[in-house]
C-alpha atoms as a PDB file:
ATOM      1  CA  UNK A   1      92.816 281.487 -74.378  1.00  0.00           C
ATOM      2  CA  UNK A   2      91.106 278.922 -72.162  1.00  0.00           C
ATOM      3  CA  UNK A   3      88.354 276.555 -73.288  1.00  0.00           C
ATOM      4  CA  UNK A   4      85.541 278.745 -71.977  1.00  0.00           C
ATOM      5  CA  UNK A   5      86.871 281.845 -73.723  1.00  0.00           C
ATOM      6  CA  UNK A   6      87.354 279.951 -76.983  1.00  0.00           C
ATOM      7  CA  UNK A   7      83.792 278.630 -76.838  1.00  0.00           C
ATOM      8  CA  UNK A   8      82.422 282.091 -76.139  1.00  0.00           C
ATOM      9  CA  UNK A   9      84.363 283.438 -79.105  1.00  0.00           C
ATOM     10  CA  UNK A  10      82.928 280.766 -81.408  1.00  0.00           C
ATOM     11  CA  UNK A  11      79.416 281.635 -80.244  1.00  0.00           C
ATOM     12  CA  UNK A  12      80.005 285.332 -80.901  1.00  0.00           C
ATOM     13  CA  UNK A  13      81.494 284.704 -84.346  1.00  0.00           C
ATOM     14  CA  UNK A  14      78.488 282.579 -85.283  1.00  0.00           C
ATOM     15  CA  UNK A  15      76.191 285.435 -84.293  1.00  0.00           C
ATOM     16  CA  UNK A  16      78.227 287.955 -86.243  1.00  0.00           C
ATOM     17  CA  UNK A  17      78.446 285.954 -89.442  1.00  0.00           C
ATOM     18  CA  UNK A  18      74.803 286.771 -90.101  1.00  0.00           C
ATOM     19  CA  UNK A  19      75.858 290.410 -90.446  1.00  0.00           C
ATOM     20  CA  UNK A  20      77.712 292.146 -93.234  1.00  0.00           C
ATOM     21  CA  UNK A  21      81.325 293.303 -93.102  1.00  0.00           C
ATOM     22  CA  UNK A  22      80.164 296.924 -93.403  1.00  0.00           C
ATOM     23  CA  UNK A  23      77.235 299.131 -92.432  1.00  0.00           C
ATOM     24  CA  UNK A  24      75.912 302.531 -93.412  1.00  0.00           C
ATOM     25  CA  UNK A  25      77.434 302.114 -96.842  1.00  0.00           C
ATOM     26  CA  UNK A  26      81.109 301.805 -95.973  1.00  0.00           C
ATOM     27  CA  UNK A  27      81.790 301.714 -92.213  1.00  0.00           C
ATOM     28  CA  UNK A  28      83.623 298.554 -91.156  1.00  0.00           C
ATOM     29  CA  UNK A  29      82.095 295.974 -88.853  1.00  0.00           C
ATOM     30  CA  UNK A  30      84.767 295.779 -86.142  1.00  0.00           C
ATOM     31  CA  UNK A  31      82.978 293.232 -83.989  1.00  0.00           C
ATOM     32  CA  UNK A  32      84.799 290.020 -85.051  1.00  0.00           C
ATOM     33  CA  UNK A  33      88.171 291.634 -84.339  1.00  0.00           C
ATOM     34  CA  UNK A  34      87.158 293.174 -81.032  1.00  0.00           C
ATOM     35  CA  UNK A  35      85.561 290.015 -79.629  1.00  0.00           C
ATOM     36  CA  UNK A  36      88.659 287.978 -80.480  1.00  0.00           C
ATOM     37  CA  UNK A  37      90.767 290.433 -78.483  1.00  0.00           C
ATOM     38  CA  UNK A  38      88.269 290.447 -75.596  1.00  0.00           C
ATOM     39  CA  UNK A  39      88.222 286.656 -75.388  1.00  0.00           C
ATOM     40  CA  UNK A  40      91.999 286.424 -75.647  1.00  0.00           C
ATOM     41  CA  UNK A  41      92.643 288.801 -72.783  1.00  0.00           C
ATOM     42  CA  UNK A  42      90.355 287.247 -70.203  1.00  0.00           C
ATOM     43  CA  UNK A  43      87.305 289.406 -70.873  1.00  0.00           C
ATOM     44  CA  UNK A  44      85.097 286.704 -72.348  1.00  0.00           C
ATOM     45  CA  UNK A  45      82.383 287.512 -69.813  1.00  0.00           C
ATOM     46  CA  UNK A  46      81.897 290.819 -71.623  1.00  0.00           C
ATOM     47  CA  UNK A  47      81.760 289.395 -75.153  1.00  0.00           C
ATOM     48  CA  UNK A  48      78.043 288.768 -75.618  1.00  0.00           C
ATOM     49  CA  UNK A  49      77.003 291.992 -73.904  1.00  0.00           C
ATOM     50  CA  UNK A  50      79.485 293.860 -76.105  1.00  0.00           C
ATOM     51  CA  UNK A  51      78.033 292.174 -79.206  1.00  0.00           C
ATOM     52  CA  UNK A  52      74.485 292.969 -78.047  1.00  0.00           C
ATOM     53  CA  UNK A  53      75.334 296.667 -77.862  1.00  0.00           C
ATOM     54  CA  UNK A  54      77.304 296.751 -81.121  1.00  0.00           C
ATOM     55  CA  UNK A  55      74.838 294.583 -83.065  1.00  0.00           C
ATOM     56  CA  UNK A  56      72.229 297.341 -83.109  1.00  0.00           C
ATOM     57  CA  UNK A  57      74.249 299.310 -85.641  1.00  0.00           C
ATOM     58  CA  UNK A  58      75.024 296.382 -87.937  1.00  0.00           C
ATOM     59  CA  UNK A  59      73.181 295.266 -91.045  1.00  0.00           C
ATOM     60  CA  UNK A  60      72.376 291.853 -92.475  1.00  0.00           C
ATOM     61  CA  UNK A  61      74.750 290.403 -95.038  1.00  0.00           C
ATOM     62  CA  UNK A  62      74.102 292.032 -98.408  1.00  0.00           C
ATOM     63  CA  UNK A  63      72.568 290.079-101.242  1.00  0.00           C
ATOM     64  CA  UNK A  64      74.931 288.344-103.607  1.00  0.00           C
ATOM     65  CA  UNK A  65      75.829 289.859-106.952  1.00  0.00           C
ATOM     66  CA  UNK A  66      77.229 286.888-108.839  1.00  0.00           C
ATOM     67  CA  UNK A  67      79.064 283.632-108.284  1.00  0.00           C
ATOM     68  CA  UNK A  68      82.845 283.853-108.101  1.00  0.00           C
ATOM     69  CA  UNK A  69      84.884 281.042-109.627  1.00  0.00           C
ATOM     70  CA  UNK A  70      88.487 280.182-110.364  1.00  0.00           C
ATOM     71  CA  UNK A  71      87.929 281.634-113.824  1.00  0.00           C
ATOM     72  CA  UNK A  72      86.387 285.041-113.044  1.00  0.00           C
ATOM     73  CA  UNK A  73      87.865 286.056-109.659  1.00  0.00           C
ATOM     74  CA  UNK A  74      90.247 288.588-111.209  1.00  0.00           C
ATOM     75  CA  UNK A  75      87.341 290.579-112.641  1.00  0.00           C
ATOM     76  CA  UNK A  76      85.602 290.604-109.238  1.00  0.00           C
ATOM     77  CA  UNK A  77      88.672 291.653-107.238  1.00  0.00           C
ATOM     78  CA  UNK A  78      88.088 295.051-105.665  1.00  0.00           C
ATOM     79  CA  UNK A  79      84.382 295.118-106.545  1.00  0.00           C
ATOM     80  CA  UNK A  80      82.305 295.639-103.360  1.00  0.00           C
ATOM     81  CA  UNK A  81      79.168 294.393-105.078  1.00  0.00           C
ATOM     82  CA  UNK A  82      80.646 290.929-104.457  1.00  0.00           C
ATOM     83  CA  UNK A  83      81.080 291.309-100.676  1.00  0.00           C
ATOM     84  CA  UNK A  84      78.907 288.303 -99.890  1.00  0.00           C
ATOM     85  CA  UNK A  85      79.997 286.298-102.931  1.00  0.00           C
ATOM     86  CA  UNK A  86      83.667 286.567-101.998  1.00  0.00           C
ATOM     87  CA  UNK A  87      83.006 285.284 -98.475  1.00  0.00           C
ATOM     88  CA  UNK A  88      81.054 282.349 -99.913  1.00  0.00           C
ATOM     89  CA  UNK A  89      83.843 281.602-102.394  1.00  0.00           C
ATOM     90  CA  UNK A  90      86.453 281.459 -99.647  1.00  0.00           C
ATOM     91  CA  UNK A  91      84.099 279.287 -97.608  1.00  0.00           C
ATOM     92  CA  UNK A  92      84.115 276.765-100.448  1.00  0.00           C
ATOM     93  CA  UNK A  93      87.906 276.899-100.793  1.00  0.00           C
ATOM     94  CA  UNK A  94      88.404 276.383 -97.062  1.00  0.00           C
ATOM     95  CA  UNK A  95      86.070 273.400 -97.085  1.00  0.00           C
ATOM     96  CA  UNK A  96      88.111 271.797 -99.869  1.00  0.00           C
ATOM     97  CA  UNK A  97      91.675 272.495 -98.733  1.00  0.00           C
ATOM     98  CA  UNK A  98      93.654 273.167 -95.529  1.00  0.00           C
ATOM     99  CA  UNK A  99      93.298 276.771 -94.446  1.00  0.00           C
ATOM    100  CA  UNK A 100      97.044 277.404 -94.529  1.00  0.00           C
ATOM    101  CA  UNK A 101      97.186 276.306 -98.164  1.00  0.00           C
ATOM    102  CA  UNK A 102      94.338 278.654 -99.104  1.00  0.00           C
ATOM    103  CA  UNK A 103      95.966 281.496 -97.192  1.00  0.00           C
ATOM    104  CA  UNK A 104      99.354 280.897 -98.843  1.00  0.00           C
ATOM    105  CA  UNK A 105      97.779 280.972-102.302  1.00  0.00           C
ATOM    106  CA  UNK A 106      95.707 284.112-101.738  1.00  0.00           C
ATOM    107  CA  UNK A 107      98.010 286.165 -99.517  1.00  0.00           C
ATOM    108  CA  UNK A 108     100.263 287.342-102.395  1.00  0.00           C
ATOM    109  CA  UNK A 109      97.184 288.082-104.507  1.00  0.00           C
ATOM    110  CA  UNK A 110      95.595 290.239-101.813  1.00  0.00           C
ATOM    111  CA  UNK A 111      98.718 291.821-100.340  1.00  0.00           C
ATOM    112  CA  UNK A 112      99.093 294.603-102.964  1.00  0.00           C
ATOM    113  CA  UNK A 113      95.666 295.854-101.859  1.00  0.00           C
ATOM    114  CA  UNK A 114      96.527 295.985 -98.174  1.00  0.00           C
ATOM    115  CA  UNK A 115      95.081 299.488 -97.705  1.00  0.00           C
ATOM    116  CA  UNK A 116      91.613 298.235 -98.683  1.00  0.00           C
ATOM    117  CA  UNK A 117      88.858 299.616 -96.431  1.00  0.00           C
ATOM    118  CA  UNK A 118      91.324 301.564 -94.276  1.00  0.00           C
ATOM    119  CA  UNK A 119      93.352 298.339 -93.701  1.00  0.00           C
ATOM    120  CA  UNK A 120      90.491 296.695 -91.775  1.00  0.00           C
ATOM    121  CA  UNK A 121      90.394 293.514 -93.904  1.00  0.00           C
ATOM    122  CA  UNK A 122      94.021 292.587 -93.247  1.00  0.00           C
ATOM    123  CA  UNK A 123      93.498 293.357 -89.554  1.00  0.00           C
ATOM    124  CA  UNK A 124      90.496 291.028 -89.523  1.00  0.00           C
ATOM    125  CA  UNK A 125      92.587 288.336 -91.227  1.00  0.00           C
ATOM    126  CA  UNK A 126      95.272 288.765 -88.563  1.00  0.00           C
ATOM    127  CA  UNK A 127      92.769 288.186 -85.759  1.00  0.00           C
ATOM    128  CA  UNK A 128      91.308 285.156 -87.555  1.00  0.00           C
ATOM    129  CA  UNK A 129      94.731 283.616 -88.116  1.00  0.00           C
ATOM    130  CA  UNK A 130      95.800 284.250 -84.520  1.00  0.00           C
ATOM    131  CA  UNK A 131      92.910 282.217 -83.137  1.00  0.00           C
ATOM    132  CA  UNK A 132      93.359 279.426 -85.694  1.00  0.00           C
ATOM    133  CA  UNK A 133      97.046 279.141 -84.844  1.00  0.00           C
ATOM    134  CA  UNK A 134      96.566 279.381 -81.108  1.00  0.00           C
ATOM    135  CA  UNK A 135      93.303 277.567 -80.472  1.00  0.00           C
ATOM    136  CA  UNK A 136      92.871 275.301 -83.481  1.00  0.00           C
ATOM    137  CA  UNK A 137      90.201 274.851 -86.117  1.00  0.00           C
ATOM    138  CA  UNK A 138      86.451 275.009 -85.602  1.00  0.00           C
ATOM    139  CA  UNK A 139      83.669 275.794 -88.027  1.00  0.00           C
ATOM    140  CA  UNK A 140      83.158 279.378 -86.790  1.00  0.00           C
ATOM    141  CA  UNK A 141      86.902 280.124 -86.922  1.00  0.00           C
ATOM    142  CA  UNK A 142      87.265 278.871 -90.477  1.00  0.00           C
ATOM    143  CA  UNK A 143      84.146 280.804 -91.426  1.00  0.00           C
ATOM    144  CA  UNK A 144      85.689 283.909 -89.895  1.00  0.00           C
ATOM    145  CA  UNK A 145      88.789 283.502 -92.049  1.00  0.00           C
ATOM    146  CA  UNK A 146      86.522 283.153 -95.103  1.00  0.00           C
ATOM    147  CA  UNK A 147      84.675 286.362 -94.200  1.00  0.00           C
ATOM    148  CA  UNK A 148      87.926 288.210 -93.546  1.00  0.00           C
ATOM    149  CA  UNK A 149      89.575 287.149 -96.804  1.00  0.00           C
ATOM    150  CA  UNK A 150      86.362 287.846 -98.678  1.00  0.00           C
ATOM    151  CA  UNK A 151      86.170 291.362 -97.278  1.00  0.00           C
ATOM    152  CA  UNK A 152      89.748 291.998 -98.364  1.00  0.00           C
ATOM    153  CA  UNK A 153      89.109 290.704-101.874  1.00  0.00           C
ATOM    154  CA  UNK A 154      85.930 292.742-102.317  1.00  0.00           C
ATOM    155  CA  UNK A 155      87.563 295.985-101.129  1.00  0.00           C
ATOM    156  CA  UNK A 156      91.005 295.339-102.623  1.00  0.00           C
ATOM    157  CA  UNK A 157      92.693 298.701-103.261  1.00  0.00           C
ATOM    158  CA  UNK A 158      96.225 299.537-104.338  1.00  0.00           C
ATOM    159  CA  UNK A 159      98.196 302.645-103.463  1.00  0.00           C
ATOM    160  CA  UNK A 160      98.891 305.037-106.362  1.00  0.00           C
ATOM    161  CA  UNK A 161     101.580 303.979-108.806  1.00  0.00           C
ATOM    162  CA  UNK A 162     104.847 305.850-109.032  1.00  0.00           C
ATOM    163  CA  UNK A 163     105.243 306.895-105.381  1.00  0.00           C
ATOM    164  CA  UNK A 164     108.652 308.524-104.971  1.00  0.00           C
ATOM    165  CA  UNK A 165     110.972 306.665-102.587  1.00  0.00           C
ATOM    166  CA  UNK A 166     112.630 309.021-100.111  1.00  0.00           C
ATOM    167  CA  UNK A 167     115.591 308.258 -97.835  1.00  0.00           C
ATOM    168  CA  UNK A 168     114.481 306.821 -94.511  1.00  0.00           C
ATOM    169  CA  UNK A 169     116.040 306.862 -91.046  1.00  0.00           C
ATOM    170  CA  UNK A 170     116.917 303.465 -89.614  1.00  0.00           C
ATOM    171  CA  UNK A 171     114.607 303.208 -86.588  1.00  0.00           C
ATOM    172  CA  UNK A 172     110.985 302.599 -87.512  1.00  0.00           C
ATOM    173  CA  UNK A 173     109.563 305.333 -85.301  1.00  0.00           C
ATOM    174  CA  UNK A 174     111.940 307.898 -86.805  1.00  0.00           C
ATOM    175  CA  UNK A 175     110.989 306.722 -90.292  1.00  0.00           C
ATOM    176  CA  UNK A 176     107.315 307.248 -89.443  1.00  0.00           C
ATOM    177  CA  UNK A 177     108.109 310.727 -88.151  1.00  0.00           C
ATOM    178  CA  UNK A 178     109.793 311.400 -91.504  1.00  0.00           C
ATOM    179  CA  UNK A 179     106.595 310.586 -93.415  1.00  0.00           C
ATOM    180  CA  UNK A 180     105.241 313.711 -95.072  1.00  0.00           C
ATOM    181  CA  UNK A 181     101.557 314.469 -94.715  1.00  0.00           C
ATOM    182  CA  UNK A 182      99.629 314.456 -97.984  1.00  0.00           C
ATOM    183  CA  UNK A 183      99.188 317.967 -99.307  1.00  0.00           C
ATOM    184  CA  UNK A 184      95.399 317.892 -99.075  1.00  0.00           C
ATOM    185  CA  UNK A 185      94.085 316.238 -95.910  1.00  0.00           C
ATOM    186  CA  UNK A 186      90.411 316.607 -96.751  1.00  0.00           C
ATOM    187  CA  UNK A 187      88.024 313.765 -97.373  1.00  0.00           C
ATOM    188  CA  UNK A 188      88.196 310.168 -96.233  1.00  0.00           C
ATOM    189  CA  UNK A 189      91.128 307.806 -96.215  1.00  0.00           C
ATOM    190  CA  UNK A 190      90.634 306.613 -99.799  1.00  0.00           C
ATOM    191  CA  UNK A 191      90.853 310.171-101.103  1.00  0.00           C
ATOM    192  CA  UNK A 192      93.885 310.903 -98.956  1.00  0.00           C
ATOM    193  CA  UNK A 193      95.740 307.741 -99.946  1.00  0.00           C
ATOM    194  CA  UNK A 194      95.045 308.588-103.555  1.00  0.00           C
ATOM    195  CA  UNK A 195      97.098 311.773-103.085  1.00  0.00           C
ATOM    196  CA  UNK A 196     100.226 309.978-101.877  1.00  0.00           C
ATOM    197  CA  UNK A 197     103.258 311.077-103.859  1.00  0.00           C
ATOM    198  CA  UNK A 198     106.264 310.367-101.603  1.00  0.00           C
ATOM    199  CA  UNK A 199     107.089 307.878 -98.849  1.00  0.00           C
ATOM    200  CA  UNK A 200     110.328 307.013 -97.060  1.00  0.00           C
ATOM    201  CA  UNK A 201     111.753 303.756 -98.428  1.00  0.00           C
ATOM    202  CA  UNK A 202     112.237 302.248 -94.986  1.00  0.00           C
ATOM    203  CA  UNK A 203     112.237 298.615 -96.127  1.00  0.00           C
ATOM    204  CA  UNK A 204     114.813 299.175 -98.878  1.00  0.00           C
ATOM    205  CA  UNK A 205     117.905 297.127 -98.231  1.00  0.00           C
ATOM    206  CA  UNK A 206     116.147 294.298 -96.412  1.00  0.00           C
ATOM    207  CA  UNK A 207     117.475 291.152 -98.135  1.00  0.00           C
ATOM    208  CA  UNK A 208     114.765 289.529-100.222  1.00  0.00           C
ATOM    209  CA  UNK A 209     116.263 286.110 -99.449  1.00  0.00           C
ATOM    210  CA  UNK A 210     116.328 286.570 -95.656  1.00  0.00           C
ATOM    211  CA  UNK A 211     112.850 285.952 -94.221  1.00  0.00           C
ATOM    212  CA  UNK A 212     114.126 286.146 -90.644  1.00  0.00           C
ATOM    213  CA  UNK A 213     115.428 289.661 -91.266  1.00  0.00           C
ATOM    214  CA  UNK A 214     112.065 290.666 -92.714  1.00  0.00           C
ATOM    215  CA  UNK A 215     110.244 289.299 -89.676  1.00  0.00           C
ATOM    216  CA  UNK A 216     112.535 291.146 -87.266  1.00  0.00           C
ATOM    217  CA  UNK A 217     112.126 294.381 -89.213  1.00  0.00           C
ATOM    218  CA  UNK A 218     108.361 293.922 -89.131  1.00  0.00           C
ATOM    219  CA  UNK A 219     108.513 293.530 -85.351  1.00  0.00           C
ATOM    220  CA  UNK A 220     110.386 296.817 -85.192  1.00  0.00           C
ATOM    221  CA  UNK A 221     107.741 298.459 -87.342  1.00  0.00           C
ATOM    222  CA  UNK A 222     104.920 297.301 -85.044  1.00  0.00           C
ATOM    223  CA  UNK A 223     106.831 298.599 -82.035  1.00  0.00           C
ATOM    224  CA  UNK A 224     107.697 301.876 -83.747  1.00  0.00           C
ATOM    225  CA  UNK A 225     104.138 302.460 -84.945  1.00  0.00           C
ATOM    226  CA  UNK A 226     102.721 301.744 -81.493  1.00  0.00           C
ATOM    227  CA  UNK A 227     105.176 304.155 -79.892  1.00  0.00           C
ATOM    228  CA  UNK A 228     104.366 306.688 -82.630  1.00  0.00           C
ATOM    229  CA  UNK A 229     100.722 306.603 -81.553  1.00  0.00           C
ATOM    230  CA  UNK A 230     101.715 307.632 -78.046  1.00  0.00           C
ATOM    231  CA  UNK A 231     103.162 310.908 -79.340  1.00  0.00           C
ATOM    232  CA  UNK A 232     101.100 311.509 -82.490  1.00  0.00           C
ATOM    233  CA  UNK A 233      97.764 309.768 -81.968  1.00  0.00           C
ATOM    234  CA  UNK A 234      96.119 313.091 -81.201  1.00  0.00           C
ATOM    235  CA  UNK A 235      96.311 313.910 -84.933  1.00  0.00           C
ATOM    236  CA  UNK A 236      93.406 311.555 -85.604  1.00  0.00           C
ATOM    237  CA  UNK A 237      92.904 309.210 -82.661  1.00  0.00           C
ATOM    238  CA  UNK A 238      90.838 306.582 -84.471  1.00  0.00           C
ATOM    239  CA  UNK A 239      92.468 306.423 -87.882  1.00  0.00           C
ATOM    240  CA  UNK A 240      96.068 306.477 -86.628  1.00  0.00           C
ATOM    241  CA  UNK A 241      95.343 303.299 -84.679  1.00  0.00           C
ATOM    242  CA  UNK A 242      95.657 301.433 -87.980  1.00  0.00           C
ATOM    243  CA  UNK A 243      99.256 302.502 -88.482  1.00  0.00           C
ATOM    244  CA  UNK A 244     100.047 300.034 -85.678  1.00  0.00           C
ATOM    245  CA  UNK A 245      97.293 297.430 -85.903  1.00  0.00           C
ATOM    246  CA  UNK A 246      97.689 296.775 -89.657  1.00  0.00           C
ATOM    247  CA  UNK A 247     101.385 295.799 -89.527  1.00  0.00           C
ATOM    248  CA  UNK A 248     100.710 293.804 -86.366  1.00  0.00           C
ATOM    249  CA  UNK A 249      98.062 291.841 -88.257  1.00  0.00           C
ATOM    250  CA  UNK A 250     100.696 290.989 -90.862  1.00  0.00           C
ATOM    251  CA  UNK A 251     103.132 289.970 -88.125  1.00  0.00           C
ATOM    252  CA  UNK A 252     100.514 287.694 -86.560  1.00  0.00           C
ATOM    253  CA  UNK A 253      99.941 286.035 -89.935  1.00  0.00           C
ATOM    254  CA  UNK A 254     103.588 285.301 -90.793  1.00  0.00           C
ATOM    255  CA  UNK A 255     103.803 281.984 -88.876  1.00  0.00           C
ATOM    256  CA  UNK A 256     101.006 280.591 -91.042  1.00  0.00           C
ATOM    257  CA  UNK A 257     102.720 281.607 -94.293  1.00  0.00           C
ATOM    258  CA  UNK A 258     105.639 280.172 -96.254  1.00  0.00           C
ATOM    259  CA  UNK A 259     108.792 282.060 -95.275  1.00  0.00           C
ATOM    260  CA  UNK A 260     109.378 283.186 -98.849  1.00  0.00           C
ATOM    261  CA  UNK A 261     106.310 285.444 -98.523  1.00  0.00           C
ATOM    262  CA  UNK A 262     107.660 287.301 -95.493  1.00  0.00           C
ATOM    263  CA  UNK A 263     109.779 289.968 -97.280  1.00  0.00           C
ATOM    264  CA  UNK A 264     106.864 291.071 -99.480  1.00  0.00           C
ATOM    265  CA  UNK A 265     104.677 291.086 -96.369  1.00  0.00           C
ATOM    266  CA  UNK A 266     107.089 293.512 -94.703  1.00  0.00           C
ATOM    267  CA  UNK A 267     106.982 295.830 -97.716  1.00  0.00           C
ATOM    268  CA  UNK A 268     103.187 295.840 -97.734  1.00  0.00           C
ATOM    269  CA  UNK A 269     102.985 296.404 -93.973  1.00  0.00           C
ATOM    270  CA  UNK A 270     105.263 299.439 -94.272  1.00  0.00           C
ATOM    271  CA  UNK A 271     103.179 300.793 -97.159  1.00  0.00           C
ATOM    272  CA  UNK A 272     100.027 300.472 -95.063  1.00  0.00           C
ATOM    273  CA  UNK A 273     101.488 301.954 -91.897  1.00  0.00           C
ATOM    274  CA  UNK A 274     103.265 304.860 -93.571  1.00  0.00           C
ATOM    275  CA  UNK A 275     100.270 305.511 -95.827  1.00  0.00           C
ATOM    276  CA  UNK A 276      97.955 305.886 -92.842  1.00  0.00           C
ATOM    277  CA  UNK A 277     100.463 308.220 -91.195  1.00  0.00           C
ATOM    278  CA  UNK A 278     100.717 310.332 -94.345  1.00  0.00           C
ATOM    279  CA  UNK A 279      96.937 310.587 -94.461  1.00  0.00           C
ATOM    280  CA  UNK A 280      96.440 311.670 -90.847  1.00  0.00           C
ATOM    281  CA  UNK A 281      99.650 312.725 -89.154  1.00  0.00           C
ATOM    282  CA  UNK A 282      99.540 315.937 -87.088  1.00  0.00           C
ATOM    283  CA  UNK A 283     101.946 318.787 -87.663  1.00  0.00           C
ATOM    284  CA  UNK A 284     103.893 317.951 -84.504  1.00  0.00           C
ATOM    285  CA  UNK A 285     104.123 315.353 -81.807  1.00  0.00           C
ATOM    286  CA  UNK A 286     103.001 315.887 -78.235  1.00  0.00           C
ATOM    287  CA  UNK A 287     104.629 314.943 -74.941  1.00  0.00           C
ATOM    288  CA  UNK A 288     103.276 311.855 -73.245  1.00  0.00           C
ATOM    289  CA  UNK A 289     102.670 311.369 -69.587  1.00  0.00           C
ATOM    290  CA  UNK A 290     104.122 308.805 -67.269  1.00  0.00           C
ATOM    291  CA  UNK A 291     103.482 305.153 -67.858  1.00  0.00           C
ATOM    292  CA  UNK A 292     100.150 304.058 -66.349  1.00  0.00           C
ATOM    293  CA  UNK A 293     100.481 302.368 -62.987  1.00  0.00           C
ATOM    294  CA  UNK A 294      98.664 299.354 -64.372  1.00  0.00           C
ATOM    295  CA  UNK A 295      99.566 295.801 -65.217  1.00  0.00           C
ATOM    296  CA  UNK A 296      98.905 294.727 -68.812  1.00  0.00           C
ATOM    297  CA  UNK A 297      95.837 292.827 -67.588  1.00  0.00           C
ATOM    298  CA  UNK A 298      94.515 295.906 -65.819  1.00  0.00           C
ATOM    299  CA  UNK A 299      95.127 298.067 -68.896  1.00  0.00           C
ATOM    300  CA  UNK A 300      93.164 295.700 -71.094  1.00  0.00           C
ATOM    301  CA  UNK A 301      90.349 295.485 -68.557  1.00  0.00           C
ATOM    302  CA  UNK A 302      90.166 299.273 -68.717  1.00  0.00           C
ATOM    303  CA  UNK A 303      90.010 299.033 -72.537  1.00  0.00           C
ATOM    304  CA  UNK A 304      87.201 296.487 -72.280  1.00  0.00           C
ATOM    305  CA  UNK A 305      85.245 298.796 -69.985  1.00  0.00           C
ATOM    306  CA  UNK A 306      85.936 301.719 -72.364  1.00  0.00           C
ATOM    307  CA  UNK A 307      84.263 299.638 -75.059  1.00  0.00           C
ATOM    308  CA  UNK A 308      85.418 301.270 -78.295  1.00  0.00           C
ATOM    309  CA  UNK A 309      86.623 298.689 -80.808  1.00  0.00           C
ATOM    310  CA  UNK A 310      89.576 300.762 -82.010  1.00  0.00           C
ATOM    311  CA  UNK A 311      90.789 301.362 -78.469  1.00  0.00           C
ATOM    312  CA  UNK A 312      90.436 297.650 -77.681  1.00  0.00           C
ATOM    313  CA  UNK A 313      92.514 296.727 -80.725  1.00  0.00           C
ATOM    314  CA  UNK A 314      95.187 299.367 -80.095  1.00  0.00           C
ATOM    315  CA  UNK A 315      95.621 298.180 -76.499  1.00  0.00           C
ATOM    316  CA  UNK A 316      95.727 294.594 -77.801  1.00  0.00           C
ATOM    317  CA  UNK A 317      98.626 295.542 -80.082  1.00  0.00           C
ATOM    318  CA  UNK A 318     100.330 297.572 -77.346  1.00  0.00           C
ATOM    319  CA  UNK A 319     100.280 294.494 -75.104  1.00  0.00           C
ATOM    320  CA  UNK A 320     101.913 292.454 -77.882  1.00  0.00           C
ATOM    321  CA  UNK A 321     104.716 295.017 -78.022  1.00  0.00           C
ATOM    322  CA  UNK A 322     105.051 295.202 -74.247  1.00  0.00           C
ATOM    323  CA  UNK A 323     105.245 291.401 -74.008  1.00  0.00           C
ATOM    324  CA  UNK A 324     108.212 291.381 -76.384  1.00  0.00           C
ATOM    325  CA  UNK A 325     109.824 294.505 -74.932  1.00  0.00           C
ATOM    326  CA  UNK A 326     109.094 294.727 -71.203  1.00  0.00           C
ATOM    327  CA  UNK A 327     111.303 297.817 -70.977  1.00  0.00           C
ATOM    328  CA  UNK A 328     109.197 299.707 -73.543  1.00  0.00           C
ATOM    329  CA  UNK A 329     106.825 301.652 -71.299  1.00  0.00           C
ATOM    330  CA  UNK A 330     105.917 303.848 -74.257  1.00  0.00           C
ATOM    331  CA  UNK A 331     103.851 300.999 -75.721  1.00  0.00           C
ATOM    332  CA  UNK A 332     101.673 300.846 -72.612  1.00  0.00           C
ATOM    333  CA  UNK A 333     101.396 304.626 -72.659  1.00  0.00           C
ATOM    334  CA  UNK A 334     100.198 304.392 -76.259  1.00  0.00           C
ATOM    335  CA  UNK A 335      97.468 302.011 -75.167  1.00  0.00           C
ATOM    336  CA  UNK A 336      96.466 304.252 -72.278  1.00  0.00           C
ATOM    337  CA  UNK A 337      96.578 307.268 -74.579  1.00  0.00           C
ATOM    338  CA  UNK A 338      94.050 305.684 -76.925  1.00  0.00           C
ATOM    339  CA  UNK A 339      91.620 305.388 -74.017  1.00  0.00           C
ATOM    340  CA  UNK A 340      92.011 309.117 -73.383  1.00  0.00           C
ATOM    341  CA  UNK A 341      91.755 310.231 -77.015  1.00  0.00           C
ATOM    342  CA  UNK A 342      88.949 307.985 -78.280  1.00  0.00           C
ATOM    343  CA  UNK A 343      85.449 308.526 -76.952  1.00  0.00           C
ATOM    344  CA  UNK A 344      84.243 305.629 -74.798  1.00  0.00           C
ATOM    345  CA  UNK A 345      81.125 303.708 -75.688  1.00  0.00           C
ATOM    346  CA  UNK A 346      78.149 304.750 -73.565  1.00  0.00           C
END
């Protein structure tokens, strides 16, 4: 990201921090994530116009409910009444200590609730960490990490206890195909995740004392989930995006974390990805067309013109996969498929 793009991103984040992390009661504010991807991929000239259009649906930050402290945070975890208070609490922590230290302390506390708010909080954290690692610290970037962590804490949600572990194929995409749909696919994602009873134990056997193995397995999961979207995204084009973008957010965060936290991060990323698939997978896959005759830059420009935040973030993840696996044309097809399946912004 060049200096101009980074400055534009900081301006956009400052504008967005006056808004809440949700609107209309529970819908996630995707703007901070989308503008980070736009700025990163050379589309900074679109950022403020994109924010102008998206801002009309957003709401001001909600009023606080009560001050969070080191003594009462456990009682406030998972309580959305504290949406603003959590962001303010993390703002204080990040002003007092290095951001990596705060992240390392809170990551294992938040990780069990990775499916919070349809996985959007961890995705927002991943975007915030990516810009801090790549472009360095500024006030707006640290504030964005505070907002992202605060959103996760306020919406913290665990999967049901006692999920049966089923045998899992070795390749990640095959393991995702082996995920059984929840019996009742009515209602929103929280209701569906609450009906989870069985999941393939794909991460079983990964050595707990081998962080490098966990990181490599996580890379395979991001690739497998992105490729899975190419063939199964039609089941629910928007929600199935998160099966790929949530584990990629975890992968982006690993370099900022102590290596001993990587194996647990892999387990949580698989739980999130497979849980989303169980909630929304279609009965069968569909054939995909030929790879788009586009460069990665051209594909992202098309996503930017499309305008939908989920499509922008799916293409962003697809380009990560394609950069690491230039022979994997299915990743680019997944990105192009999202632009076909998801309605563009007028």
